Amino acid sequence: MSALAGPEPRAVSYAEDGPLLVAGAHGGSGSTTLAALLPPARDVGVLRPDHVCMPASLGSGPVVLTSRNTALGAARAIAVAGAVVTWGARLVAVAVVSDGLPEPGDAAYRYRLLDFRVPVIRVPFVPALRAADDPRAAVLPRRARRALARIRALASPPAVPPVKPQQED
């Protein structure tokens, strides 16, 4: 039994072309913790929007960008999300990881704008994660489990409807 109050999450590939990649829009954005909570996701570190081409660390899997719920974090998330899309990577979500304090109005406004381009998922502050040596051992509240489930769903390959065979005349 895991901290998710259920069976261990399956270690599945999120996409046919690679594992889920978790990238930070800035340092301290929570990418390492989020990657640990989304096995077999891989933390690829902080991305910089001024790179001319896609960093090799992005590979070919779906990308979740992490950011804190601050005005600066939101500004960085917008810049990096634009770069990730320009590089041709499949950005599936921006995970806004709460720092436990109320979100400033400027940050909320920027994230609402960003939500028109890519789903913005709110990951609540989880006090147990601050004390855990291993994030996977922390007991997560329902809101956190829901946020992780939404990220998993967005990162999964889209269901392809069955193709009906054409009838010959």
N, C-alpha and C. Protein backbone atom coordinates (compact mmCIF):
# COMPACT_ATOMS: atom_id res chain seq x y z
N MET A 1 0.84 -1.18 0.00
CA MET A 1 0.00 0.00 0.00
C MET A 1 0.88 1.23 0.00
N SER A 2 0.54 2.21 -0.81
CA SER A 2 1.39 3.40 -0.93
C SER A 2 0.75 4.59 -0.23
N ALA A 3 1.44 5.71 -0.31
CA ALA A 3 0.95 6.95 0.25
C ALA A 3 -0.28 7.45 -0.49
N LEU A 4 -0.58 6.87 -1.62
CA LEU A 4 -1.74 7.30 -2.40
C LEU A 4 -3.00 6.63 -1.90
N ALA A 5 -2.92 5.94 -0.77
CA ALA A 5 -4.06 5.27 -0.16
C ALA A 5 -4.70 4.28 -1.13
N GLY A 6 -3.89 3.49 -1.73
CA GLY A 6 -4.38 2.49 -2.66
C GLY A 6 -3.21 1.65 -3.11
N PRO A 7 -3.43 0.82 -4.11
CA PRO A 7 -2.33 0.01 -4.61
C PRO A 7 -1.24 0.89 -5.22
N GLU A 8 -0.05 0.34 -5.29
CA GLU A 8 1.07 1.07 -5.89
C GLU A 8 0.70 1.51 -7.30
N PRO A 9 1.06 2.76 -7.67
CA PRO A 9 0.78 3.18 -9.04
C PRO A 9 1.57 2.32 -10.03
N ARG A 10 0.92 2.02 -11.14
CA ARG A 10 1.58 1.21 -12.16
C ARG A 10 2.72 2.02 -12.77
N ALA A 11 3.81 1.37 -13.02
CA ALA A 11 4.91 2.01 -13.73
C ALA A 11 4.68 1.78 -15.21
N VAL A 12 3.97 2.71 -15.81
CA VAL A 12 3.61 2.57 -17.22
C VAL A 12 4.29 3.67 -18.01
N SER A 13 4.47 3.42 -19.26
CA SER A 13 4.97 4.46 -20.15
C SER A 13 3.78 5.34 -20.48
N TYR A 14 3.95 6.65 -20.33
CA TYR A 14 2.85 7.57 -20.57
C TYR A 14 2.57 7.78 -22.04
N ALA A 15 3.53 7.51 -22.84
CA ALA A 15 3.35 7.70 -24.28
C ALA A 15 4.11 6.61 -25.01
N GLU A 16 3.70 6.37 -26.21
CA GLU A 16 4.38 5.35 -27.00
C GLU A 16 5.81 5.76 -27.33
N ASP A 17 6.08 7.07 -27.30
CA ASP A 17 7.39 7.53 -27.72
C ASP A 17 8.32 7.89 -26.56
N GLY A 18 7.96 7.64 -25.33
CA GLY A 18 8.86 7.91 -24.22
C GLY A 18 8.13 8.15 -22.92
N PRO A 19 8.88 8.16 -21.81
CA PRO A 19 8.26 8.38 -20.50
C PRO A 19 7.87 9.83 -20.31
N LEU A 20 7.07 10.08 -19.31
CA LEU A 20 6.69 11.45 -18.95
C LEU A 20 7.94 12.18 -18.49
N LEU A 21 8.14 13.38 -19.00
CA LEU A 21 9.28 14.21 -18.64
C LEU A 21 8.78 15.39 -17.84
N VAL A 22 9.37 15.59 -16.66
CA VAL A 22 8.97 16.69 -15.79
C VAL A 22 10.10 17.71 -15.78
N ALA A 23 9.78 18.93 -16.18
CA ALA A 23 10.78 19.99 -16.30
C ALA A 23 10.37 21.18 -15.46
N GLY A 24 11.35 21.85 -14.89
CA GLY A 24 11.07 23.04 -14.10
C GLY A 24 11.14 24.29 -14.95
N ALA A 25 10.24 25.23 -14.68
CA ALA A 25 10.30 26.53 -15.35
C ALA A 25 11.32 27.42 -14.65
N HIS A 26 11.70 27.04 -13.43
CA HIS A 26 12.68 27.79 -12.64
C HIS A 26 13.16 26.88 -11.52
N GLY A 27 14.24 27.24 -10.89
CA GLY A 27 14.75 26.45 -9.78
C GLY A 27 13.76 26.43 -8.62
N GLY A 28 13.68 25.29 -7.94
CA GLY A 28 12.78 25.17 -6.80
C GLY A 28 11.32 25.04 -7.16
N SER A 29 11.04 24.66 -8.40
CA SER A 29 9.65 24.60 -8.87
C SER A 29 8.93 23.31 -8.49
N GLY A 30 9.65 22.33 -7.97
CA GLY A 30 9.01 21.08 -7.56
C GLY A 30 9.10 19.97 -8.57
N SER A 31 9.93 20.11 -9.59
CA SER A 31 9.99 19.09 -10.65
C SER A 31 10.51 17.74 -10.13
N THR A 32 11.48 17.75 -9.25
CA THR A 32 12.03 16.50 -8.74
C THR A 32 10.99 15.75 -7.92
N THR A 33 10.29 16.47 -7.05
CA THR A 33 9.25 15.84 -6.23
C THR A 33 8.12 15.33 -7.10
N LEU A 34 7.68 16.13 -8.05
CA LEU A 34 6.57 15.70 -8.90
C LEU A 34 6.95 14.48 -9.73
N ALA A 35 8.17 14.45 -10.24
CA ALA A 35 8.62 13.29 -11.01
C ALA A 35 8.62 12.04 -10.14
N ALA A 36 9.02 12.16 -8.88
CA ALA A 36 9.01 11.01 -7.96
C ALA A 36 7.60 10.51 -7.71
N LEU A 37 6.62 11.41 -7.74
CA LEU A 37 5.23 11.03 -7.48
C LEU A 37 4.51 10.51 -8.72
N LEU A 38 5.16 10.59 -9.88
CA LEU A 38 4.55 10.16 -11.13
C LEU A 38 5.41 9.10 -11.83
N PRO A 39 5.68 7.96 -11.17
CA PRO A 39 6.54 6.95 -11.81
C PRO A 39 5.94 6.47 -13.12
N PRO A 40 6.73 6.22 -14.13
CA PRO A 40 8.18 6.27 -14.26
C PRO A 40 8.68 7.59 -14.82
N ALA A 41 8.07 8.69 -14.42
CA ALA A 41 8.46 10.00 -14.94
C ALA A 41 9.93 10.28 -14.65
N ARG A 42 10.50 11.17 -15.46
CA ARG A 42 11.91 11.52 -15.32
C ARG A 42 12.03 13.03 -15.19
N ASP A 43 12.75 13.48 -14.16
CA ASP A 43 13.01 14.91 -13.96
C ASP A 43 14.14 15.31 -14.91
N VAL A 44 13.89 16.30 -15.75
CA VAL A 44 14.91 16.74 -16.71
C VAL A 44 15.52 18.08 -16.31
N GLY A 45 15.22 18.56 -15.11
CA GLY A 45 15.81 19.80 -14.62
C GLY A 45 15.10 21.04 -15.11
N VAL A 46 15.77 22.16 -14.95
CA VAL A 46 15.19 23.46 -15.31
C VAL A 46 15.45 23.74 -16.79
N LEU A 47 14.41 24.18 -17.48
CA LEU A 47 14.54 24.57 -18.89
C LEU A 47 14.68 26.08 -18.99
N ARG A 48 15.46 26.50 -19.95
CA ARG A 48 15.64 27.93 -20.18
C ARG A 48 15.00 28.30 -21.51
N PRO A 49 14.18 29.34 -21.52
CA PRO A 49 13.48 29.70 -22.76
C PRO A 49 14.38 30.28 -23.84
N ASP A 50 15.61 30.64 -23.48
CA ASP A 50 16.48 31.26 -24.48
C ASP A 50 17.28 30.25 -25.30
N HIS A 51 17.08 28.96 -25.08
CA HIS A 51 17.74 27.96 -25.93
C HIS A 51 17.16 28.05 -27.34
N VAL A 52 18.02 27.97 -28.32
CA VAL A 52 17.58 28.07 -29.70
C VAL A 52 16.86 26.81 -30.15
N CYS A 53 17.30 25.65 -29.65
CA CYS A 53 16.66 24.40 -30.04
C CYS A 53 16.37 23.57 -28.79
N MET A 54 15.59 22.53 -28.97
CA MET A 54 15.17 21.69 -27.86
C MET A 54 16.37 21.01 -27.21
N PRO A 55 16.48 21.11 -25.87
CA PRO A 55 17.56 20.40 -25.18
C PRO A 55 17.40 18.89 -25.37
N ALA A 56 18.52 18.20 -25.49
CA ALA A 56 18.49 16.75 -25.69
C ALA A 56 17.80 16.04 -24.53
N SER A 57 17.80 16.63 -23.33
CA SER A 57 17.18 15.99 -22.17
C SER A 57 15.68 15.81 -22.33
N LEU A 58 15.06 16.58 -23.23
CA LEU A 58 13.61 16.46 -23.40
C LEU A 58 13.22 15.18 -24.12
N GLY A 59 14.09 14.63 -24.92
CA GLY A 59 13.74 13.38 -25.59
C GLY A 59 12.46 13.54 -26.39
N SER A 60 11.62 12.51 -26.33
CA SER A 60 10.42 12.55 -27.17
C SER A 60 9.13 12.29 -26.40
N GLY A 61 9.19 12.21 -25.09
CA GLY A 61 7.98 11.94 -24.31
C GLY A 61 7.18 13.20 -24.05
N PRO A 62 6.00 13.04 -23.48
CA PRO A 62 5.19 14.20 -23.11
C PRO A 62 5.87 14.97 -21.98
N VAL A 63 5.69 16.28 -21.97
CA VAL A 63 6.36 17.15 -21.00
C VAL A 63 5.34 17.81 -20.08
N VAL A 64 5.64 17.77 -18.78
CA VAL A 64 4.90 18.54 -17.78
C VAL A 64 5.87 19.57 -17.24
N LEU A 65 5.47 20.82 -17.28
CA LEU A 65 6.30 21.91 -16.80
C LEU A 65 5.84 22.27 -15.39
N THR A 66 6.77 22.40 -14.44
CA THR A 66 6.41 22.77 -13.07
C THR A 66 6.80 24.21 -12.80
N SER A 67 6.02 24.84 -11.92
CA SER A 67 6.26 26.22 -11.52
C SER A 67 5.64 26.44 -10.15
N ARG A 68 6.16 27.37 -9.40
CA ARG A 68 5.54 27.74 -8.12
C ARG A 68 4.44 28.75 -8.37
N ASN A 69 3.62 28.95 -7.34
CA ASN A 69 2.48 29.86 -7.48
C ASN A 69 2.86 31.29 -7.10
N THR A 70 3.90 31.79 -7.74
CA THR A 70 4.37 33.16 -7.53
C THR A 70 4.28 33.92 -8.84
N ALA A 71 4.34 35.24 -8.76
CA ALA A 71 4.29 36.06 -9.99
C ALA A 71 5.50 35.75 -10.89
N LEU A 72 6.67 35.64 -10.30
CA LEU A 72 7.86 35.33 -11.09
C LEU A 72 7.77 33.91 -11.67
N GLY A 73 7.27 32.97 -10.88
CA GLY A 73 7.11 31.60 -11.38
C GLY A 73 6.16 31.55 -12.56
N ALA A 74 5.07 32.32 -12.49
CA ALA A 74 4.10 32.35 -13.59
C ALA A 74 4.72 32.97 -14.84
N ALA A 75 5.49 34.03 -14.67
CA ALA A 75 6.14 34.66 -15.83
C ALA A 75 7.12 33.67 -16.48
N ARG A 76 7.89 32.96 -15.68
CA ARG A 76 8.83 31.97 -16.21
C ARG A 76 8.06 30.83 -16.89
N ALA A 77 6.95 30.40 -16.31
CA ALA A 77 6.17 29.31 -16.91
C ALA A 77 5.66 29.71 -18.29
N ILE A 78 5.21 30.93 -18.44
CA ILE A 78 4.73 31.40 -19.74
C ILE A 78 5.86 31.39 -20.76
N ALA A 79 7.03 31.90 -20.37
CA ALA A 79 8.17 31.96 -21.29
C ALA A 79 8.65 30.56 -21.67
N VAL A 80 8.79 29.69 -20.69
CA VAL A 80 9.30 28.35 -20.97
C VAL A 80 8.26 27.52 -21.74
N ALA A 81 6.98 27.66 -21.41
CA ALA A 81 5.94 26.93 -22.14
C ALA A 81 5.97 27.31 -23.62
N GLY A 82 6.14 28.59 -23.90
CA GLY A 82 6.23 29.03 -25.29
C GLY A 82 7.43 28.42 -26.00
N ALA A 83 8.56 28.35 -25.30
CA ALA A 83 9.76 27.76 -25.89
C ALA A 83 9.58 26.27 -26.14
N VAL A 84 8.99 25.56 -25.17
CA VAL A 84 8.79 24.11 -25.32
C VAL A 84 7.93 23.81 -26.54
N VAL A 85 6.87 24.58 -26.73
CA VAL A 85 6.01 24.39 -27.89
C VAL A 85 6.76 24.72 -29.18
N THR A 86 7.54 25.79 -29.17
CA THR A 86 8.34 26.17 -30.34
C THR A 86 9.34 25.08 -30.70
N TRP A 87 9.91 24.43 -29.69
CA TRP A 87 10.88 23.35 -29.94
C TRP A 87 10.21 22.11 -30.53
N GLY A 88 8.89 22.05 -30.49
CA GLY A 88 8.18 20.90 -31.04
C GLY A 88 7.93 19.79 -30.04
N ALA A 89 8.18 20.03 -28.76
CA ALA A 89 7.90 19.01 -27.74
C ALA A 89 6.40 19.01 -27.44
N ARG A 90 5.93 17.91 -26.90
CA ARG A 90 4.51 17.78 -26.57
C ARG A 90 4.27 18.20 -25.12
N LEU A 91 3.96 19.47 -24.92
CA LEU A 91 3.67 20.00 -23.59
C LEU A 91 2.24 19.64 -23.23
N VAL A 92 2.07 18.82 -22.20
CA VAL A 92 0.73 18.34 -21.86
C VAL A 92 0.10 19.11 -20.70
N ALA A 93 0.92 19.76 -19.86
CA ALA A 93 0.36 20.50 -18.73
C ALA A 93 1.44 21.35 -18.08
N VAL A 94 0.96 22.37 -17.37
CA VAL A 94 1.81 23.13 -16.46
C VAL A 94 1.27 22.83 -15.07
N ALA A 95 2.13 22.29 -14.21
CA ALA A 95 1.75 21.97 -12.83
C ALA A 95 2.21 23.12 -11.94
N VAL A 96 1.25 23.82 -11.36
CA VAL A 96 1.55 24.93 -10.46
C VAL A 96 1.60 24.36 -9.05
N VAL A 97 2.81 24.26 -8.52
CA VAL A 97 3.03 23.64 -7.22
C VAL A 97 2.97 24.73 -6.15
N SER A 98 2.00 24.61 -5.26
CA SER A 98 1.79 25.63 -4.24
C SER A 98 2.90 25.63 -3.21
N ASP A 99 3.24 26.85 -2.76
CA ASP A 99 4.23 26.98 -1.69
C ASP A 99 3.56 27.12 -0.33
N GLY A 100 2.24 26.97 -0.28
CA GLY A 100 1.51 27.03 0.97
C GLY A 100 0.94 28.40 1.30
N LEU A 101 1.36 29.40 0.57
CA LEU A 101 0.85 30.76 0.80
C LEU A 101 -0.16 31.11 -0.29
N PRO A 102 -0.99 32.11 -0.03
CA PRO A 102 -1.96 32.51 -1.07
C PRO A 102 -1.24 32.95 -2.35
N GLU A 103 -1.86 32.65 -3.47
CA GLU A 103 -1.28 33.01 -4.77
C GLU A 103 -1.50 34.50 -5.03
N PRO A 104 -0.45 35.22 -5.38
CA PRO A 104 -0.62 36.65 -5.71
C PRO A 104 -1.53 36.83 -6.92
N GLY A 105 -2.23 37.95 -6.97
CA GLY A 105 -3.13 38.24 -8.08
C GLY A 105 -2.46 38.20 -9.43
N ASP A 106 -1.24 38.75 -9.53
CA ASP A 106 -0.53 38.74 -10.81
C ASP A 106 -0.26 37.32 -11.28
N ALA A 107 0.09 36.44 -10.35
CA ALA A 107 0.35 35.04 -10.72
C ALA A 107 -0.94 34.38 -11.19
N ALA A 108 -2.03 34.58 -10.46
CA ALA A 108 -3.30 33.97 -10.84
C ALA A 108 -3.73 34.42 -12.23
N TYR A 109 -3.56 35.72 -12.52
CA TYR A 109 -3.92 36.25 -13.82
C TYR A 109 -3.08 35.61 -14.93
N ARG A 110 -1.77 35.52 -14.71
CA ARG A 110 -0.89 34.92 -15.72
C ARG A 110 -1.22 33.45 -15.96
N TYR A 111 -1.51 32.71 -14.89
CA TYR A 111 -1.85 31.30 -15.06
C TYR A 111 -3.19 31.13 -15.79
N ARG A 112 -4.13 32.05 -15.55
CA ARG A 112 -5.40 31.98 -16.30
C ARG A 112 -5.14 32.18 -17.79
N LEU A 113 -4.26 33.11 -18.14
CA LEU A 113 -3.91 33.31 -19.56
C LEU A 113 -3.23 32.08 -20.14
N LEU A 114 -2.32 31.51 -19.38
CA LEU A 114 -1.59 30.32 -19.85
C LEU A 114 -2.53 29.14 -20.04
N ASP A 115 -3.58 29.07 -19.22
CA ASP A 115 -4.53 27.95 -19.29
C ASP A 115 -5.27 27.90 -20.63
N PHE A 116 -5.27 28.99 -21.37
CA PHE A 116 -5.87 28.97 -22.71
C PHE A 116 -4.99 28.22 -23.70
N ARG A 117 -3.69 28.10 -23.40
CA ARG A 117 -2.73 27.43 -24.30
C ARG A 117 -2.45 26.00 -23.90
N VAL A 118 -2.41 25.73 -22.60
CA VAL A 118 -2.07 24.40 -22.09
C VAL A 118 -2.77 24.24 -20.75
N PRO A 119 -3.25 23.02 -20.43
CA PRO A 119 -3.91 22.84 -19.14
C PRO A 119 -2.98 23.21 -17.97
N VAL A 120 -3.51 24.00 -17.05
CA VAL A 120 -2.78 24.38 -15.84
C VAL A 120 -3.39 23.58 -14.68
N ILE A 121 -2.57 22.75 -14.06
CA ILE A 121 -3.01 21.89 -12.97
C ILE A 121 -2.46 22.43 -11.67
N ARG A 122 -3.33 22.65 -10.69
CA ARG A 122 -2.92 23.14 -9.38
C ARG A 122 -2.55 21.96 -8.49
N VAL A 123 -1.31 21.94 -8.02
CA VAL A 123 -0.85 20.91 -7.10
C VAL A 123 -0.77 21.57 -5.73
N PRO A 124 -1.61 21.14 -4.79
CA PRO A 124 -1.67 21.83 -3.50
C PRO A 124 -0.40 21.61 -2.67
N PHE A 125 -0.20 22.51 -1.72
CA PHE A 125 0.89 22.37 -0.76
C PHE A 125 0.60 21.14 0.10
N VAL A 126 1.59 20.29 0.28
CA VAL A 126 1.45 19.07 1.09
C VAL A 126 2.53 19.13 2.18
N PRO A 127 2.14 19.50 3.41
CA PRO A 127 3.13 19.61 4.49
C PRO A 127 3.95 18.34 4.70
N ALA A 128 3.35 17.18 4.49
CA ALA A 128 4.06 15.91 4.71
C ALA A 128 5.27 15.77 3.78
N LEU A 129 5.24 16.42 2.62
CA LEU A 129 6.36 16.32 1.69
C LEU A 129 7.61 17.04 2.21
N ARG A 130 7.42 18.03 3.07
CA ARG A 130 8.57 18.75 3.62
C ARG A 130 9.37 17.88 4.58
N ALA A 131 8.71 16.93 5.23
CA ALA A 131 9.37 16.08 6.23
C ALA A 131 9.79 14.72 5.67
N ALA A 132 9.35 14.40 4.48
CA ALA A 132 9.60 13.07 3.93
C ALA A 132 10.96 12.99 3.26
N ASP A 133 11.71 11.94 3.56
CA ASP A 133 12.96 11.68 2.85
C ASP A 133 12.68 11.22 1.43
N ASP A 134 11.58 10.51 1.28
CA ASP A 134 11.16 10.00 -0.03
C ASP A 134 9.73 10.49 -0.27
N PRO A 135 9.50 11.32 -1.28
CA PRO A 135 8.16 11.85 -1.52
C PRO A 135 7.10 10.76 -1.68
N ARG A 136 7.52 9.60 -2.19
CA ARG A 136 6.56 8.51 -2.39
C ARG A 136 6.04 7.95 -1.08
N ALA A 137 6.72 8.23 0.04
CA ALA A 137 6.29 7.72 1.34
C ALA A 137 5.29 8.66 2.03
N ALA A 138 5.12 9.85 1.52
CA ALA A 138 4.21 10.82 2.14
C ALA A 138 2.75 10.46 1.86
N VAL A 139 1.92 10.68 2.85
CA VAL A 139 0.48 10.48 2.67
C VAL A 139 -0.07 11.75 2.01
N LEU A 140 -0.62 11.57 0.83
CA LEU A 140 -1.10 12.71 0.06
C LEU A 140 -2.59 12.95 0.29
N PRO A 141 -2.99 14.21 0.43
CA PRO A 141 -4.42 14.51 0.55
C PRO A 141 -5.12 14.28 -0.79
N ARG A 142 -6.41 14.20 -0.73
CA ARG A 142 -7.23 13.92 -1.93
C ARG A 142 -6.96 14.91 -3.06
N ARG A 143 -6.85 16.19 -2.75
CA ARG A 143 -6.60 17.19 -3.80
C ARG A 143 -5.30 16.91 -4.53
N ALA A 144 -4.28 16.50 -3.80
CA ALA A 144 -2.99 16.19 -4.44
C ALA A 144 -3.11 14.94 -5.30
N ARG A 145 -3.80 13.93 -4.81
CA ARG A 145 -3.99 12.70 -5.60
C ARG A 145 -4.78 13.00 -6.88
N ARG A 146 -5.76 13.87 -6.78
CA ARG A 146 -6.54 14.25 -7.98
C ARG A 146 -5.67 14.98 -8.99
N ALA A 147 -4.81 15.88 -8.51
CA ALA A 147 -3.93 16.62 -9.41
C ALA A 147 -2.99 15.65 -10.14
N LEU A 148 -2.43 14.68 -9.42
CA LEU A 148 -1.55 13.69 -10.04
C LEU A 148 -2.31 12.85 -11.06
N ALA A 149 -3.53 12.48 -10.73
CA ALA A 149 -4.35 11.68 -11.65
C ALA A 149 -4.65 12.47 -12.93
N ARG A 150 -4.90 13.76 -12.79
CA ARG A 150 -5.18 14.59 -13.97
C ARG A 150 -3.93 14.71 -14.86
N ILE A 151 -2.77 14.86 -14.23
CA ILE A 151 -1.53 14.93 -15.00
C ILE A 151 -1.30 13.62 -15.74
N ARG A 152 -1.51 12.49 -15.06
CA ARG A 152 -1.35 11.18 -15.71
C ARG A 152 -2.28 11.05 -16.91
N ALA A 153 -3.53 11.49 -16.73
CA ALA A 153 -4.51 11.38 -17.82
C ALA A 153 -4.10 12.25 -19.01
N LEU A 154 -3.63 13.44 -18.75
CA LEU A 154 -3.22 14.34 -19.84
C LEU A 154 -1.99 13.81 -20.56
N ALA A 155 -1.12 13.11 -19.82
CA ALA A 155 0.12 12.61 -20.42
C ALA A 155 -0.07 11.30 -21.16
N SER A 156 -1.18 10.63 -20.93
CA SER A 156 -1.43 9.36 -21.61
C SER A 156 -1.73 9.63 -23.08
N PRO A 157 -1.38 8.66 -23.93
CA PRO A 157 -1.68 8.85 -25.35
C PRO A 157 -3.19 8.97 -25.56
N PRO A 158 -3.60 9.82 -26.46
CA PRO A 158 -5.04 9.96 -26.72
C PRO A 158 -5.61 8.66 -27.26
N ALA A 159 -6.81 8.38 -26.85
CA ALA A 159 -7.48 7.18 -27.34
C ALA A 159 -7.82 7.37 -28.81
N VAL A 160 -7.47 6.41 -29.60
CA VAL A 160 -7.75 6.48 -31.03
C VAL A 160 -9.01 5.67 -31.30
N PRO A 161 -10.03 6.32 -31.86
CA PRO A 161 -11.25 5.57 -32.13
C PRO A 161 -11.00 4.50 -33.20
N PRO A 162 -11.70 3.38 -33.09
CA PRO A 162 -11.50 2.33 -34.09
C PRO A 162 -11.92 2.81 -35.48
N VAL A 163 -11.18 2.38 -36.46
CA VAL A 163 -11.47 2.75 -37.85
C VAL A 163 -12.35 1.66 -38.45
N LYS A 164 -13.47 2.10 -39.00
CA LYS A 164 -14.36 1.13 -39.64
C LYS A 164 -13.80 0.77 -41.01
N PRO A 165 -13.75 -0.50 -41.33
CA PRO A 165 -13.29 -0.87 -42.67
C PRO A 165 -14.29 -0.38 -43.70
N GLN A 166 -13.75 0.11 -44.80
CA GLN A 166 -14.61 0.60 -45.86
C GLN A 166 -15.18 -0.58 -46.63
N GLN A 167 -16.44 -0.46 -46.96
CA GLN A 167 -17.08 -1.51 -47.75
C GLN A 167 -16.79 -1.27 -49.22
N GLU A 168 -16.46 -2.34 -49.86
CA GLU A 168 -16.19 -2.24 -51.29
C GLU A 168 -17.52 -2.30 -52.04
N ASP A 169 -17.58 -1.55 -53.12
CA ASP A 169 -18.82 -1.53 -53.95
C ASP A 169 -18.91 -2.75 -54.82
